[in-house]
Full PDB file with SEQRES, HELIX, SHEET, SSBOND, CRYST1, ORIGX, SCALE, CONECT and MASTER records, all heavy atoms in Angstrom:
SEQRES   1 A   40  ALA SER VAL LYS ILE ASP ALA VAL SER LEU LYS SER THR          
SEQRES   2 A   40  LYS ASN SER ASP LEU MET ASP GLU ARG THR HIS SER THR          
SEQRES   3 A   40  ILE LYS ALA ASP LYS TYR PRO SER ILE SER TYR VAL PHE          
SEQRES   4 A   40  THR                                                          
HELIX    1 AA1 ALA A    7  SER A    9  5                                   3    
HELIX    2 AA2 ASP A   17  THR A   26  1                                  10    
SHEET    1 AA1 2 SER A   2  ASP A   6  0                                        
SHEET    2 AA1 2 SER A  34  VAL A  38 -1                                        
CRYST1    1.000    1.000    1.000  90.00  90.00  90.00 P 1           1          
ORIGX1      1.000000  0.000000  0.000000        0.00000                         
ORIGX2      0.000000  1.000000  0.000000        0.00000                         
ORIGX3      0.000000  0.000000  1.000000        0.00000                         
SCALE1      1.000000  0.000000  0.000000        0.00000                         
SCALE2      0.000000  1.000000  0.000000        0.00000                         
SCALE3      0.000000  0.000000  1.000000        0.00000                         
ATOM      1  N   ALA A   1      31.341 102.063 299.897  1.00  0.00           N  
ATOM      2  CA  ALA A   1      31.642 103.260 300.675  1.00  0.00           C  
ATOM      3  C   ALA A   1      30.605 104.323 300.368  1.00  0.00           C  
ATOM      4  O   ALA A   1      30.121 104.426 299.240  1.00  0.00           O  
ATOM      5  CB  ALA A   1      33.042 103.788 300.347  1.00  0.00           C  
ATOM      6  N   SER A   2      30.249 105.095 301.385  1.00  0.00           N  
ATOM      7  CA  SER A   2      29.312 106.195 301.173  1.00  0.00           C  
ATOM      8  C   SER A   2      29.545 107.297 302.195  1.00  0.00           C  
ATOM      9  O   SER A   2      30.053 107.054 303.288  1.00  0.00           O  
ATOM     10  CB  SER A   2      27.863 105.705 301.250  1.00  0.00           C  
ATOM     11  OG  SER A   2      27.551 105.284 302.559  1.00  0.00           O  
ATOM     12  N   VAL A   3      29.168 108.496 301.789  1.00  0.00           N  
ATOM     13  CA  VAL A   3      29.279 109.676 302.651  1.00  0.00           C  
ATOM     14  C   VAL A   3      27.931 110.389 302.622  1.00  0.00           C  
ATOM     15  O   VAL A   3      27.331 110.554 301.562  1.00  0.00           O  
ATOM     16  CB  VAL A   3      30.365 110.656 302.141  1.00  0.00           C  
ATOM     17  CG1 VAL A   3      30.454 111.881 303.044  1.00  0.00           C  
ATOM     18  CG2 VAL A   3      31.715 109.959 302.025  1.00  0.00           C  
ATOM     19  N   LYS A   4      27.463 110.800 303.790  1.00  0.00           N  
ATOM     20  CA  LYS A   4      26.218 111.573 303.877  1.00  0.00           C  
ATOM     21  C   LYS A   4      26.477 112.789 304.757  1.00  0.00           C  
ATOM     22  O   LYS A   4      26.964 112.652 305.881  1.00  0.00           O  
ATOM     23  CB  LYS A   4      25.096 110.715 304.457  1.00  0.00           C  
ATOM     24  CG  LYS A   4      23.768 111.449 304.535  1.00  0.00           C  
ATOM     25  CD  LYS A   4      22.706 110.557 305.158  1.00  0.00           C  
ATOM     26  CE  LYS A   4      21.422 111.329 305.385  1.00  0.00           C  
ATOM     27  NZ  LYS A   4      20.435 110.545 306.140  1.00  0.00           N  
ATOM     28  N   ILE A   5      26.156 113.967 304.229  1.00  0.00           N  
ATOM     29  CA  ILE A   5      26.313 115.220 304.959  1.00  0.00           C  
ATOM     30  C   ILE A   5      24.942 115.871 305.103  1.00  0.00           C  
ATOM     31  O   ILE A   5      24.216 116.018 304.114  1.00  0.00           O  
ATOM     32  CB  ILE A   5      27.264 116.179 304.211  1.00  0.00           C  
ATOM     33  CG1 ILE A   5      28.652 115.552 304.058  1.00  0.00           C  
ATOM     34  CG2 ILE A   5      27.357 117.527 304.923  1.00  0.00           C  
ATOM     35  CD1 ILE A   5      29.583 116.333 303.140  1.00  0.00           C  
ATOM     36  N   ASP A   6      24.583 116.236 306.328  1.00  0.00           N  
ATOM     37  CA  ASP A   6      23.343 116.996 306.511  1.00  0.00           C  
ATOM     38  C   ASP A   6      23.570 118.390 305.925  1.00  0.00           C  
ATOM     39  O   ASP A   6      24.477 119.104 306.353  1.00  0.00           O  
ATOM     40  CB  ASP A   6      22.986 117.106 307.995  1.00  0.00           C  
ATOM     41  CG  ASP A   6      22.529 115.773 308.582  1.00  0.00           C  
ATOM     42  OD1 ASP A   6      22.296 114.833 307.800  1.00  0.00           O  
ATOM     43  OD2 ASP A   6      22.424 115.678 309.819  1.00  0.00           O  
ATOM     44  N   ALA A   7      22.758 118.766 304.965  1.00  0.00           N  
ATOM     45  CA  ALA A   7      22.970 120.031 304.250  1.00  0.00           C  
ATOM     46  C   ALA A   7      22.971 121.240 305.188  1.00  0.00           C  
ATOM     47  O   ALA A   7      23.792 122.148 305.045  1.00  0.00           O  
ATOM     48  CB  ALA A   7      21.910 120.197 303.161  1.00  0.00           C  
ATOM     49  N   VAL A   8      22.078 121.231 306.180  1.00  0.00           N  
ATOM     50  CA  VAL A   8      22.025 122.382 307.094  1.00  0.00           C  
ATOM     51  C   VAL A   8      23.177 122.382 308.090  1.00  0.00           C  
ATOM     52  O   VAL A   8      23.335 123.327 308.857  1.00  0.00           O  
ATOM     53  CB  VAL A   8      20.678 122.458 307.856  1.00  0.00           C  
ATOM     54  CG1 VAL A   8      19.533 122.752 306.903  1.00  0.00           C  
ATOM     55  CG2 VAL A   8      20.431 121.206 308.664  1.00  0.00           C  
ATOM     56  N   SER A   9      23.985 121.313 308.075  1.00  0.00           N  
ATOM     57  CA  SER A   9      25.149 121.281 308.982  1.00  0.00           C  
ATOM     58  C   SER A   9      26.327 122.065 308.416  1.00  0.00           C  
ATOM     59  O   SER A   9      27.344 122.222 309.092  1.00  0.00           O  
ATOM     60  CB  SER A   9      25.565 119.832 309.269  1.00  0.00           C  
ATOM     61  OG  SER A   9      26.398 119.315 308.244  1.00  0.00           O  
ATOM     62  N   LEU A  10      26.221 122.548 307.168  1.00  0.00           N  
ATOM     63  CA  LEU A  10      27.289 123.386 306.621  1.00  0.00           C  
ATOM     64  C   LEU A  10      27.250 124.745 307.311  1.00  0.00           C  
ATOM     65  O   LEU A  10      26.252 125.470 307.229  1.00  0.00           O  
ATOM     66  CB  LEU A  10      27.122 123.553 305.106  1.00  0.00           C  
ATOM     67  CG  LEU A  10      27.467 122.322 304.265  1.00  0.00           C  
ATOM     68  CD1 LEU A  10      27.081 122.562 302.810  1.00  0.00           C  
ATOM     69  CD2 LEU A  10      28.942 121.981 304.364  1.00  0.00           C  
ATOM     70  N   LYS A  11      28.320 125.061 308.031  1.00  0.00           N  
ATOM     71  CA  LYS A  11      28.388 126.289 308.810  1.00  0.00           C  
ATOM     72  C   LYS A  11      29.604 127.101 308.387  1.00  0.00           C  
ATOM     73  O   LYS A  11      30.705 126.557 308.254  1.00  0.00           O  
ATOM     74  CB  LYS A  11      28.491 125.982 310.311  1.00  0.00           C  
ATOM     75  CG  LYS A  11      27.378 125.105 310.858  1.00  0.00           C  
ATOM     76  CD  LYS A  11      26.061 125.833 310.916  1.00  0.00           C  
ATOM     77  CE  LYS A  11      24.964 124.964 311.552  1.00  0.00           C  
ATOM     78  NZ  LYS A  11      23.668 125.613 311.520  1.00  0.00           N  
ATOM     79  N   SER A  12      29.414 128.397 308.244  1.00  0.00           N  
ATOM     80  CA  SER A  12      30.505 129.292 307.872  1.00  0.00           C  
ATOM     81  C   SER A  12      31.580 129.297 308.951  1.00  0.00           C  
ATOM     82  O   SER A  12      31.273 129.319 310.148  1.00  0.00           O  
ATOM     83  CB  SER A  12      29.968 130.714 307.688  1.00  0.00           C  
ATOM     84  OG  SER A  12      31.033 131.637 307.607  1.00  0.00           O  
ATOM     85  N   THR A  13      32.844 129.267 308.531  1.00  0.00           N  
ATOM     86  CA  THR A  13      33.945 129.331 309.504  1.00  0.00           C  
ATOM     87  C   THR A  13      34.058 130.726 310.114  1.00  0.00           C  
ATOM     88  O   THR A  13      34.785 130.930 311.078  1.00  0.00           O  
ATOM     89  CB  THR A  13      35.287 128.940 308.846  1.00  0.00           C  
ATOM     90  OG1 THR A  13      35.505 129.776 307.692  1.00  0.00           O  
ATOM     91  CG2 THR A  13      35.274 127.494 308.411  1.00  0.00           C  
ATOM     92  N   LYS A  14      33.318 131.691 309.568  1.00  0.00           N  
ATOM     93  CA  LYS A  14      33.305 133.055 310.127  1.00  0.00           C  
ATOM     94  C   LYS A  14      32.139 133.238 311.112  1.00  0.00           C  
ATOM     95  O   LYS A  14      31.867 134.343 311.568  1.00  0.00           O  
ATOM     96  CB  LYS A  14      33.196 134.095 309.006  1.00  0.00           C  
ATOM     97  CG  LYS A  14      34.374 134.099 308.053  1.00  0.00           C  
ATOM     98  CD  LYS A  14      34.240 135.220 307.040  1.00  0.00           C  
ATOM     99  CE  LYS A  14      35.287 135.148 305.949  1.00  0.00           C  
ATOM    100  NZ  LYS A  14      36.656 135.257 306.411  1.00  0.00           N  
ATOM    101  N   ASN A  15      31.444 132.113 311.422  1.00  0.00           N  
ATOM    102  CA  ASN A  15      30.298 132.153 312.331  1.00  0.00           C  
ATOM    103  C   ASN A  15      29.265 133.190 311.902  1.00  0.00           C  
ATOM    104  O   ASN A  15      28.767 133.974 312.711  1.00  0.00           O  
ATOM    105  CB  ASN A  15      30.749 132.415 313.778  1.00  0.00           C  
ATOM    106  CG  ASN A  15      31.571 131.276 314.332  1.00  0.00           C  
ATOM    107  OD1 ASN A  15      31.248 130.114 314.109  1.00  0.00           O  
ATOM    108  ND2 ASN A  15      32.646 131.590 315.025  1.00  0.00           N  
ATOM    109  N   SER A  16      28.948 133.184 310.628  1.00  0.00           N  
ATOM    110  CA  SER A  16      27.992 134.142 310.081  1.00  0.00           C  
ATOM    111  C   SER A  16      26.654 133.463 309.802  1.00  0.00           C  
ATOM    112  O   SER A  16      26.552 132.611 308.919  1.00  0.00           O  
ATOM    113  CB  SER A  16      28.547 134.743 308.789  1.00  0.00           C  
ATOM    114  OG  SER A  16      27.544 135.433 308.089  1.00  0.00           O  
ATOM    115  N   ASP A  17      25.622 133.837 310.576  1.00  0.00           N  
ATOM    116  CA  ASP A  17      24.293 133.269 310.356  1.00  0.00           C  
ATOM    117  C   ASP A  17      23.763 133.628 308.972  1.00  0.00           C  
ATOM    118  O   ASP A  17      23.104 132.816 308.313  1.00  0.00           O  
ATOM    119  CB  ASP A  17      23.311 133.771 311.424  1.00  0.00           C  
ATOM    120  CG  ASP A  17      23.607 133.175 312.798  1.00  0.00           C  
ATOM    121  OD1 ASP A  17      24.291 132.146 312.867  1.00  0.00           O  
ATOM    122  OD2 ASP A  17      23.148 133.758 313.807  1.00  0.00           O  
ATOM    123  N   LEU A  18      24.053 134.835 308.517  1.00  0.00           N  
ATOM    124  CA  LEU A  18      23.602 135.277 307.198  1.00  0.00           C  
ATOM    125  C   LEU A  18      24.236 134.425 306.102  1.00  0.00           C  
ATOM    126  O   LEU A  18      23.558 133.982 305.165  1.00  0.00           O  
ATOM    127  CB  LEU A  18      23.931 136.752 306.979  1.00  0.00           C  
ATOM    128  CG  LEU A  18      23.476 137.351 305.631  1.00  0.00           C  
ATOM    129  CD1 LEU A  18      21.966 137.212 305.450  1.00  0.00           C  
ATOM    130  CD2 LEU A  18      23.894 138.816 305.532  1.00  0.00           C  
ATOM    131  N   MET A  19      25.545 134.173 306.235  1.00  0.00           N  
ATOM    132  CA  MET A  19      26.254 133.313 305.264  1.00  0.00           C  
ATOM    133  C   MET A  19      25.654 131.912 305.266  1.00  0.00           C  
ATOM    134  O   MET A  19      25.435 131.313 304.206  1.00  0.00           O  
ATOM    135  CB  MET A  19      27.743 133.272 305.622  1.00  0.00           C  
ATOM    136  CG  MET A  19      28.549 132.298 304.813  1.00  0.00           C  
ATOM    137  SD  MET A  19      28.813 132.849 303.123  1.00  0.00           S  
ATOM    138  CE  MET A  19      29.887 131.557 302.530  1.00  0.00           C  
ATOM    139  N   ASP A  20      25.356 131.378 306.464  1.00  0.00           N  
ATOM    140  CA  ASP A  20      24.770 130.036 306.559  1.00  0.00           C  
ATOM    141  C   ASP A  20      23.405 129.988 305.875  1.00  0.00           C  
ATOM    142  O   ASP A  20      23.098 129.054 305.135  1.00  0.00           O  
ATOM    143  CB  ASP A  20      24.638 129.606 308.023  1.00  0.00           C  
ATOM    144  CG  ASP A  20      25.991 129.395 308.695  1.00  0.00           C  
ATOM    145  OD1 ASP A  20      26.996 129.272 307.965  1.00  0.00           O  
ATOM    146  OD2 ASP A  20      26.034 129.354 309.931  1.00  0.00           O  
ATOM    147  N   GLU A  21      22.572 131.018 306.112  1.00  0.00           N  
ATOM    148  CA  GLU A  21      21.254 131.063 305.487  1.00  0.00           C  
ATOM    149  C   GLU A  21      21.369 131.087 303.967  1.00  0.00           C  
ATOM    150  O   GLU A  21      20.625 130.395 303.267  1.00  0.00           O  
ATOM    151  CB  GLU A  21      20.493 132.316 305.952  1.00  0.00           C  
ATOM    152  CG  GLU A  21      19.969 132.228 307.366  1.00  0.00           C  
ATOM    153  CD  GLU A  21      19.361 133.542 307.832  1.00  0.00           C  
ATOM    154  OE1 GLU A  21      18.963 134.352 306.965  1.00  0.00           O  
ATOM    155  OE2 GLU A  21      19.280 133.745 309.057  1.00  0.00           O  
ATOM    156  N   ARG A  22      22.307 131.874 303.461  1.00  0.00           N  
ATOM    157  CA  ARG A  22      22.502 131.954 302.011  1.00  0.00           C  
ATOM    158  C   ARG A  22      23.006 130.627 301.442  1.00  0.00           C  
ATOM    159  O   ARG A  22      22.578 130.202 300.368  1.00  0.00           O  
ATOM    160  CB  ARG A  22      23.473 133.088 301.686  1.00  0.00           C  
ATOM    161  CG  ARG A  22      22.857 134.460 301.910  1.00  0.00           C  
ATOM    162  CD  ARG A  22      23.872 135.562 301.736  1.00  0.00           C  
ATOM    163  NE  ARG A  22      23.235 136.883 301.815  1.00  0.00           N  
ATOM    164  CZ  ARG A  22      23.894 138.017 301.928  1.00  0.00           C  
ATOM    165  NH1 ARG A  22      25.224 138.003 301.980  1.00  0.00           N  
ATOM    166  NH2 ARG A  22      23.265 139.155 301.987  1.00  0.00           N  
ATOM    167  N   THR A  23      23.916 129.988 302.176  1.00  0.00           N  
ATOM    168  CA  THR A  23      24.442 128.680 301.732  1.00  0.00           C  
ATOM    169  C   THR A  23      23.318 127.656 301.668  1.00  0.00           C  
ATOM    170  O   THR A  23      23.147 126.958 300.659  1.00  0.00           O  
ATOM    171  CB  THR A  23      25.548 128.182 302.689  1.00  0.00           C  
ATOM    172  OG1 THR A  23      26.621 129.116 302.676  1.00  0.00           O  
ATOM    173  CG2 THR A  23      26.063 126.802 302.282  1.00  0.00           C  
ATOM    174  N   HIS A  24      22.523 127.572 302.741  1.00  0.00           N  
ATOM    175  CA  HIS A  24      21.435 126.590 302.798  1.00  0.00           C  
ATOM    176  C   HIS A  24      20.376 126.856 301.730  1.00  0.00           C  
ATOM    177  O   HIS A  24      19.838 125.919 301.133  1.00  0.00           O  
ATOM    178  CB  HIS A  24      20.810 126.579 304.199  1.00  0.00           C  
ATOM    179  CG  HIS A  24      21.794 126.251 305.281  1.00  0.00           C  
ATOM    180  ND1 HIS A  24      21.617 126.602 306.595  1.00  0.00           N  
ATOM    181  CD2 HIS A  24      23.002 125.618 305.228  1.00  0.00           C  
ATOM    182  CE1 HIS A  24      22.651 126.193 307.308  1.00  0.00           C  
ATOM    183  NE2 HIS A  24      23.500 125.600 306.497  1.00  0.00           N  
ATOM    184  N   SER A  25      20.123 128.130 301.482  1.00  0.00           N  
ATOM    185  CA  SER A  25      19.160 128.493 300.435  1.00  0.00           C  
ATOM    186  C   SER A  25      19.694 128.108 299.051  1.00  0.00           C  
ATOM    187  O   SER A  25      18.964 127.561 298.220  1.00  0.00           O  
ATOM    188  CB  SER A  25      18.884 130.000 300.502  1.00  0.00           C  
ATOM    189  OG  SER A  25      18.091 130.404 299.416  1.00  0.00           O  
ATOM    190  N   THR A  26      20.984 128.377 298.817  1.00  0.00           N  
ATOM    191  CA  THR A  26      21.604 128.095 297.512  1.00  0.00           C  
ATOM    192  C   THR A  26      21.569 126.611 297.180  1.00  0.00           C  
ATOM    193  O   THR A  26      21.323 126.216 296.041  1.00  0.00           O  
ATOM    194  CB  THR A  26      23.060 128.616 297.488  1.00  0.00           C  
ATOM    195  OG1 THR A  26      23.037 130.033 297.695  1.00  0.00           O  
ATOM    196  CG2 THR A  26      23.745 128.304 296.179  1.00  0.00           C  
ATOM    197  N   ILE A  27      21.828 125.753 298.195  1.00  0.00           N  
ATOM    198  CA  ILE A  27      21.852 124.301 297.944  1.00  0.00           C  
ATOM    199  C   ILE A  27      20.487 123.654 298.195  1.00  0.00           C  
ATOM    200  O   ILE A  27      20.372 122.429 298.208  1.00  0.00           O  
ATOM    201  CB  ILE A  27      22.953 123.590 298.760  1.00  0.00           C  
ATOM    202  CG1 ILE A  27      22.718 123.770 300.268  1.00  0.00           C  
ATOM    203  CG2 ILE A  27      24.329 124.076 298.350  1.00  0.00           C  
ATOM    204  CD1 ILE A  27      23.683 122.968 301.135  1.00  0.00           C  
ATOM    205  N   LYS A  28      19.459 124.492 298.404  1.00  0.00           N  
ATOM    206  CA  LYS A  28      18.074 124.024 298.579  1.00  0.00           C  
ATOM    207  C   LYS A  28      17.954 123.008 299.709  1.00  0.00           C  
ATOM    208  O   LYS A  28      17.344 121.938 299.569  1.00  0.00           O  
ATOM    209  CB  LYS A  28      17.554 123.427 297.269  1.00  0.00           C  
ATOM    210  CG  LYS A  28      17.686 124.370 296.085  1.00  0.00           C  
ATOM    211  CD  LYS A  28      17.421 123.656 294.779  1.00  0.00           C  
ATOM    212  CE  LYS A  28      17.816 124.546 293.603  1.00  0.00           C  
ATOM    213  NZ  LYS A  28      17.818 123.824 292.343  1.00  0.00           N  
ATOM    214  N   ALA A  29      18.583 123.343 300.844  1.00  0.00           N  
ATOM    215  CA  ALA A  29      18.650 122.416 301.982  1.00  0.00           C  
ATOM    216  C   ALA A  29      17.274 122.069 302.540  1.00  0.00           C  
ATOM    217  O   ALA A  29      17.083 120.966 303.070  1.00  0.00           O  
ATOM    218  CB  ALA A  29      19.534 123.001 303.075  1.00  0.00           C  
ATOM    219  N   ASP A  30      16.305 122.976 302.417  1.00  0.00           N  
ATOM    220  CA  ASP A  30      14.973 122.668 302.935  1.00  0.00           C  
ATOM    221  C   ASP A  30      14.297 121.563 302.129  1.00  0.00           C  
ATOM    222  O   ASP A  30      13.593 120.720 302.669  1.00  0.00           O  
ATOM    223  CB  ASP A  30      14.101 123.932 302.951  1.00  0.00           C  
ATOM    224  CG  ASP A  30      13.990 124.604 301.581  1.00  0.00           C  
ATOM    225  OD1 ASP A  30      14.878 124.360 300.725  1.00  0.00           O  
ATOM    226  OD2 ASP A  30      13.027 125.352 301.356  1.00  0.00           O  
ATOM    227  N   LYS A  31      14.563 121.527 300.834  1.00  0.00           N  
ATOM    228  CA  LYS A  31      13.957 120.521 299.949  1.00  0.00           C  
ATOM    229  C   LYS A  31      14.819 119.259 299.840  1.00  0.00           C  
ATOM    230  O   LYS A  31      14.304 118.147 299.717  1.00  0.00           O  
ATOM    231  CB  LYS A  31      13.748 121.132 298.564  1.00  0.00           C  
ATOM    232  CG  LYS A  31      12.921 120.273 297.630  1.00  0.00           C  
ATOM    233  CD  LYS A  31      12.604 121.003 296.340  1.00  0.00           C  
ATOM    234  CE  LYS A  31      11.747 120.157 295.417  1.00  0.00           C  
ATOM    235  NZ  LYS A  31      11.473 120.837 294.135  1.00  0.00           N  
ATOM    236  N   TYR A  32      16.146 119.441 299.870  1.00  0.00           N  
ATOM    237  CA  TYR A  32      17.086 118.307 299.739  1.00  0.00           C  
ATOM    238  C   TYR A  32      18.022 118.322 300.948  1.00  0.00           C  
ATOM    239  O   TYR A  32      19.074 118.950 300.918  1.00  0.00           O  
ATOM    240  CB  TYR A  32      17.880 118.426 298.441  1.00  0.00           C  
ATOM    241  CG  TYR A  32      16.995 118.520 297.214  1.00  0.00           C  
ATOM    242  CD1 TYR A  32      16.812 119.737 296.558  1.00  0.00           C  
ATOM    243  CD2 TYR A  32      16.325 117.395 296.736  1.00  0.00           C  
ATOM    244  CE1 TYR A  32      15.986 119.820 295.445  1.00  0.00           C  
ATOM    245  CE2 TYR A  32      15.498 117.476 295.635  1.00  0.00           C  
ATOM    246  CZ  TYR A  32      15.334 118.689 294.985  1.00  0.00           C  
ATOM    247  OH  TYR A  32      14.513 118.777 293.890  1.00  0.00           O  
ATOM    248  N   PRO A  33      17.621 117.651 302.037  1.00  0.00           N  
ATOM    249  CA  PRO A  33      18.343 117.759 303.302  1.00  0.00           C  
ATOM    250  C   PRO A  33      19.709 117.077 303.362  1.00  0.00           C  
ATOM    251  O   PRO A  33      20.452 117.286 304.311  1.00  0.00           O  
ATOM    252  CB  PRO A  33      17.390 117.126 304.317  1.00  0.00           C  
ATOM    253  CG  PRO A  33      16.509 116.218 303.512  1.00  0.00           C  
ATOM    254  CD  PRO A  33      16.394 116.830 302.153  1.00  0.00           C  
ATOM    255  N   SER A  34      20.058 116.287 302.330  1.00  0.00           N  
ATOM    256  CA  SER A  34      21.338 115.576 302.369  1.00  0.00           C  
ATOM    257  C   SER A  34      22.191 115.827 301.137  1.00  0.00           C  
ATOM    258  O   SER A  34      21.676 115.952 300.028  1.00  0.00           O  
ATOM    259  CB  SER A  34      21.111 114.060 302.480  1.00  0.00           C  
ATOM    260  OG  SER A  34      20.485 113.747 303.693  1.00  0.00           O  
ATOM    261  N   ILE A  35      23.484 115.894 301.363  1.00  0.00           N  
ATOM    262  CA  ILE A  35      24.489 115.847 300.293  1.00  0.00           C  
ATOM    263  C   ILE A  35      25.128 114.473 300.436  1.00  0.00           C  
ATOM    264  O   ILE A  35      25.480 114.067 301.550  1.00  0.00           O  
ATOM    265  CB  ILE A  35      25.545 116.953 300.487  1.00  0.00           C  
ATOM    266  CG1 ILE A  35      24.886 118.333 300.396  1.00  0.00           C  
ATOM    267  CG2 ILE A  35      26.675 116.819 299.470  1.00  0.00           C  
ATOM    268  CD1 ILE A  35      25.768 119.462 300.885  1.00  0.00           C  
ATOM    269  N   SER A  36      25.261 113.737 299.338  1.00  0.00           N  
ATOM    270  CA  SER A  36      25.789 112.381 299.479  1.00  0.00           C  
ATOM    271  C   SER A  36      26.762 112.013 298.358  1.00  0.00           C  
ATOM    272  O   SER A  36      26.732 112.591 297.273  1.00  0.00           O  
ATOM    273  CB  SER A  36      24.650 111.361 299.517  1.00  0.00           C  
ATOM    274  OG  SER A  36      23.969 111.332 298.279  1.00  0.00           O  
ATOM    275  N   TYR A  37      27.622 111.057 298.689  1.00  0.00           N  
ATOM    276  CA  TYR A  37      28.516 110.469 297.694  1.00  0.00           C  
ATOM    277  C   TYR A  37      28.478 108.958 297.892  1.00  0.00           C  
ATOM    278  O   TYR A  37      28.667 108.467 299.015  1.00  0.00           O  
ATOM    279  CB  TYR A  37      29.955 110.969 297.859  1.00  0.00           C  
ATOM    280  CG  TYR A  37      30.871 110.468 296.754  1.00  0.00           C  
ATOM    281  CD1 TYR A  37      30.910 111.105 295.516  1.00  0.00           C  
ATOM    282  CD2 TYR A  37      31.660 109.334 296.928  1.00  0.00           C  
ATOM    283  CE1 TYR A  37      31.719 110.641 294.493  1.00  0.00           C  
ATOM    284  CE2 TYR A  37      32.472 108.861 295.904  1.00  0.00           C  
ATOM    285  CZ  TYR A  37      32.500 109.519 294.695  1.00  0.00           C  
ATOM    286  OH  TYR A  37      33.294 109.059 293.665  1.00  0.00           O  
ATOM    287  N   VAL A  38      28.216 108.231 296.808  1.00  0.00           N  
ATOM    288  CA  VAL A  38      28.156 106.773 296.865  1.00  0.00           C  
ATOM    289  C   VAL A  38      29.168 106.191 295.887  1.00  0.00           C  
ATOM    290  O   VAL A  38      29.111 106.457 294.675  1.00  0.00           O  
ATOM    291  CB  VAL A  38      26.731 106.254 296.552  1.00  0.00           C  
ATOM    292  CG1 VAL A  38      26.706 104.727 296.601  1.00  0.00           C  
ATOM    293  CG2 VAL A  38      25.716 106.843 297.529  1.00  0.00           C  
ATOM    294  N   PHE A  39      30.094 105.420 296.427  1.00  0.00           N  
ATOM    295  CA  PHE A  39      31.137 104.752 295.632  1.00  0.00           C  
ATOM    296  C   PHE A  39      30.523 103.730 294.685  1.00  0.00           C  
ATOM    297  O   PHE A  39      29.590 103.016 295.056  1.00  0.00           O  
ATOM    298  CB  PHE A  39      32.111 104.063 296.603  1.00  0.00           C  
ATOM    299  CG  PHE A  39      32.941 102.977 295.995  1.00  0.00           C  
ATOM    300  CD1 PHE A  39      34.135 103.272 295.354  1.00  0.00           C  
ATOM    301  CD2 PHE A  39      32.545 101.647 296.071  1.00  0.00           C  
ATOM    302  CE1 PHE A  39      34.906 102.267 294.796  1.00  0.00           C  
ATOM    303  CE2 PHE A  39      33.310 100.637 295.520  1.00  0.00           C  
ATOM    304  CZ  PHE A  39      34.495 100.948 294.879  1.00  0.00           C  
ATOM    305  N   THR A  40      31.052 103.662 293.452  1.00  0.00           N  
ATOM    306  CA  THR A  40      30.603 102.630 292.505  1.00  0.00           C  
ATOM    307  C   THR A  40      31.731 101.675 292.115  1.00  0.00           C  
ATOM    308  O   THR A  40      31.540 100.473 292.059  1.00  0.00           O  
ATOM    309  CB  THR A  40      29.982 103.241 291.239  1.00  0.00           C  
ATOM    310  OG1 THR A  40      30.892 104.185 290.658  1.00  0.00           O  
ATOM    311  CG2 THR A  40      28.666 103.941 291.558  1.00  0.00           C  
TER     312      THR A  40                                                      
MASTER        0    0    0    2    2    0    0    6  311    1    0    4          
END                                                                             
């Protein structure tokens, strides 16, 4: 089993572009475009 999330697809539920920019910057979405989970 595996899960892959596009990091820049994380969007604020308040529809805030500023919040989205801060989120993407915090998780380094430009350098690491994916968040993933791989079952072992």
